[in-house]
């Protein structure tokens, strides 16, 4: 099973590498106030993907911390409800 997973990873890497090598033409990314940035298309797509992933993680952090706080409170309630065992 481990060989299958590594084979799949290598295949995905090779496909992405081939995509990046085929898309090396520079593209212009235009910002406001006349600012312009020129970079290869594959690099621009990679940056857009990473920024989207970071935004998704940051958006979910509030929920994660809220759930951790709720779990800690529930554990405290369970500890208070169960009788102490004699030592």
C-alpha atoms as a PDB file:
ATOM      1  CA  UNK A   1       0.000   0.000   0.000  1.00  0.00           C
ATOM      2  CA  UNK A   2       2.882   2.325   0.809  1.00  0.00           C
ATOM      3  CA  UNK A   3       4.338   1.813  -2.688  1.00  0.00           C
ATOM      4  CA  UNK A   4       1.012   2.700  -4.251  1.00  0.00           C
ATOM      5  CA  UNK A   5       0.772   5.964  -2.292  1.00  0.00           C
ATOM      6  CA  UNK A   6       4.330   6.960  -3.193  1.00  0.00           C
ATOM      7  CA  UNK A   7       3.723   6.076  -6.840  1.00  0.00           C
ATOM      8  CA  UNK A   8       0.636   8.283  -6.842  1.00  0.00           C
ATOM      9  CA  UNK A   9       2.569  11.144  -5.235  1.00  0.00           C
ATOM     10  CA  UNK A  10       5.353  10.863  -7.815  1.00  0.00           C
ATOM     11  CA  UNK A  11       2.789  10.815 -10.627  1.00  0.00           C
ATOM     12  CA  UNK A  12       1.036  13.947  -9.321  1.00  0.00           C
ATOM     13  CA  UNK A  13       4.400  15.681  -8.873  1.00  0.00           C
ATOM     14  CA  UNK A  14       5.444  14.794 -12.438  1.00  0.00           C
ATOM     15  CA  UNK A  15       2.156  16.099 -13.854  1.00  0.00           C
ATOM     16  CA  UNK A  16       2.463  19.366 -11.916  1.00  0.00           C
ATOM     17  CA  UNK A  17       6.111  19.746 -12.936  1.00  0.00           C
ATOM     18  CA  UNK A  18       5.222  19.219 -16.592  1.00  0.00           C
ATOM     19  CA  UNK A  19       2.427  21.802 -16.249  1.00  0.00           C
ATOM     20  CA  UNK A  20       4.837  24.302 -14.704  1.00  0.00           C
ATOM     21  CA  UNK A  21       7.453  23.736 -17.403  1.00  0.00           C
ATOM     22  CA  UNK A  22       4.868  24.213 -20.166  1.00  0.00           C
ATOM     23  CA  UNK A  23       3.582  27.491 -18.662  1.00  0.00           C
ATOM     24  CA  UNK A  24       6.726  29.556 -18.264  1.00  0.00           C
ATOM     25  CA  UNK A  25       5.482  32.451 -20.379  1.00  0.00           C
ATOM     26  CA  UNK A  26       5.433  35.697 -18.396  1.00  0.00           C
ATOM     27  CA  UNK A  27       2.074  37.168 -17.489  1.00  0.00           C
ATOM     28  CA  UNK A  28       1.365  40.638 -16.187  1.00  0.00           C
ATOM     29  CA  UNK A  29      -0.543  40.958 -12.942  1.00  0.00           C
ATOM     30  CA  UNK A  30      -1.941  44.470 -12.707  1.00  0.00           C
ATOM     31  CA  UNK A  31      -2.753  46.060  -9.376  1.00  0.00           C
ATOM     32  CA  UNK A  32      -4.334  49.406  -8.581  1.00  0.00           C
ATOM     33  CA  UNK A  33      -2.631  52.747  -9.215  1.00  0.00           C
ATOM     34  CA  UNK A  34      -0.773  51.429 -12.266  1.00  0.00           C
ATOM     35  CA  UNK A  35       1.323  48.906 -10.378  1.00  0.00           C
ATOM     36  CA  UNK A  36       2.229  45.882 -12.451  1.00  0.00           C
ATOM     37  CA  UNK A  37       4.070  42.651 -11.672  1.00  0.00           C
ATOM     38  CA  UNK A  38       5.355  40.250 -14.290  1.00  0.00           C
ATOM     39  CA  UNK A  39       6.053  36.587 -13.495  1.00  0.00           C
ATOM     40  CA  UNK A  40       5.697  33.131 -15.071  1.00  0.00           C
ATOM     41  CA  UNK A  41       2.117  31.842 -15.198  1.00  0.00           C
ATOM     42  CA  UNK A  42       2.886  28.742 -13.116  1.00  0.00           C
ATOM     43  CA  UNK A  43       4.394  30.916 -10.373  1.00  0.00           C
ATOM     44  CA  UNK A  44       1.384  33.240 -10.333  1.00  0.00           C
ATOM     45  CA  UNK A  45      -0.967  30.246 -10.070  1.00  0.00           C
ATOM     46  CA  UNK A  46       1.117  28.767  -7.246  1.00  0.00           C
ATOM     47  CA  UNK A  47       1.007  32.037  -5.305  1.00  0.00           C
ATOM     48  CA  UNK A  48      -2.765  32.304  -5.823  1.00  0.00           C
ATOM     49  CA  UNK A  49      -3.227  28.727  -4.560  1.00  0.00           C
ATOM     50  CA  UNK A  50      -1.044  29.302  -1.492  1.00  0.00           C
ATOM     51  CA  UNK A  51      -2.802  32.573  -0.626  1.00  0.00           C
ATOM     52  CA  UNK A  52      -6.184  30.853  -0.952  1.00  0.00           C
ATOM     53  CA  UNK A  53      -5.074  27.986   1.284  1.00  0.00           C
ATOM     54  CA  UNK A  54      -3.729  30.399   3.908  1.00  0.00           C
ATOM     55  CA  UNK A  55      -6.959  32.406   3.811  1.00  0.00           C
ATOM     56  CA  UNK A  56      -8.974  29.204   4.298  1.00  0.00           C
ATOM     57  CA  UNK A  57      -6.886  28.118   7.269  1.00  0.00           C
ATOM     58  CA  UNK A  58      -7.101  31.555   8.877  1.00  0.00           C
ATOM     59  CA  UNK A  59     -10.867  31.624   8.347  1.00  0.00           C
ATOM     60  CA  UNK A  60     -11.285  28.288  10.130  1.00  0.00           C
ATOM     61  CA  UNK A  61      -9.036  29.107  13.112  1.00  0.00           C
ATOM     62  CA  UNK A  62     -11.810  30.891  14.998  1.00  0.00           C
ATOM     63  CA  UNK A  63     -14.036  27.835  14.816  1.00  0.00           C
ATOM     64  CA  UNK A  64     -11.195  25.515  15.868  1.00  0.00           C
ATOM     65  CA  UNK A  65     -10.354  27.575  18.947  1.00  0.00           C
ATOM     66  CA  UNK A  66     -14.028  27.912  19.884  1.00  0.00           C
ATOM     67  CA  UNK A  67     -14.485  24.130  19.677  1.00  0.00           C
ATOM     68  CA  UNK A  68     -11.327  23.503  21.733  1.00  0.00           C
ATOM     69  CA  UNK A  69     -12.619  25.826  24.422  1.00  0.00           C
ATOM     70  CA  UNK A  70     -15.975  24.023  24.396  1.00  0.00           C
ATOM     71  CA  UNK A  71     -14.282  20.610  24.657  1.00  0.00           C
ATOM     72  CA  UNK A  72     -12.164  21.804  27.587  1.00  0.00           C
ATOM     73  CA  UNK A  73     -15.299  23.021  29.380  1.00  0.00           C
ATOM     74  CA  UNK A  74     -17.095  19.732  28.768  1.00  0.00           C
ATOM     75  CA  UNK A  75     -14.119  17.751  30.072  1.00  0.00           C
ATOM     76  CA  UNK A  76     -14.157  19.897  33.187  1.00  0.00           C
ATOM     77  CA  UNK A  77     -17.875  19.167  33.665  1.00  0.00           C
ATOM     78  CA  UNK A  78     -17.273  15.425  33.278  1.00  0.00           C
ATOM     79  CA  UNK A  79     -14.470  15.556  35.838  1.00  0.00           C
ATOM     80  CA  UNK A  80     -16.755  17.338  38.292  1.00  0.00           C
ATOM     81  CA  UNK A  81     -19.604  14.838  37.771  1.00  0.00           C
ATOM     82  CA  UNK A  82     -17.581  11.645  38.204  1.00  0.00           C
ATOM     83  CA  UNK A  83     -16.786  10.670  41.803  1.00  0.00           C
ATOM     84  CA  UNK A  84     -13.173  10.667  42.850  1.00  0.00           C
ATOM     85  CA  UNK A  85     -11.674   7.216  43.249  1.00  0.00           C
ATOM     86  CA  UNK A  86      -9.927   6.572  46.568  1.00  0.00           C
ATOM     87  CA  UNK A  87      -6.176   6.308  46.332  1.00  0.00           C
END
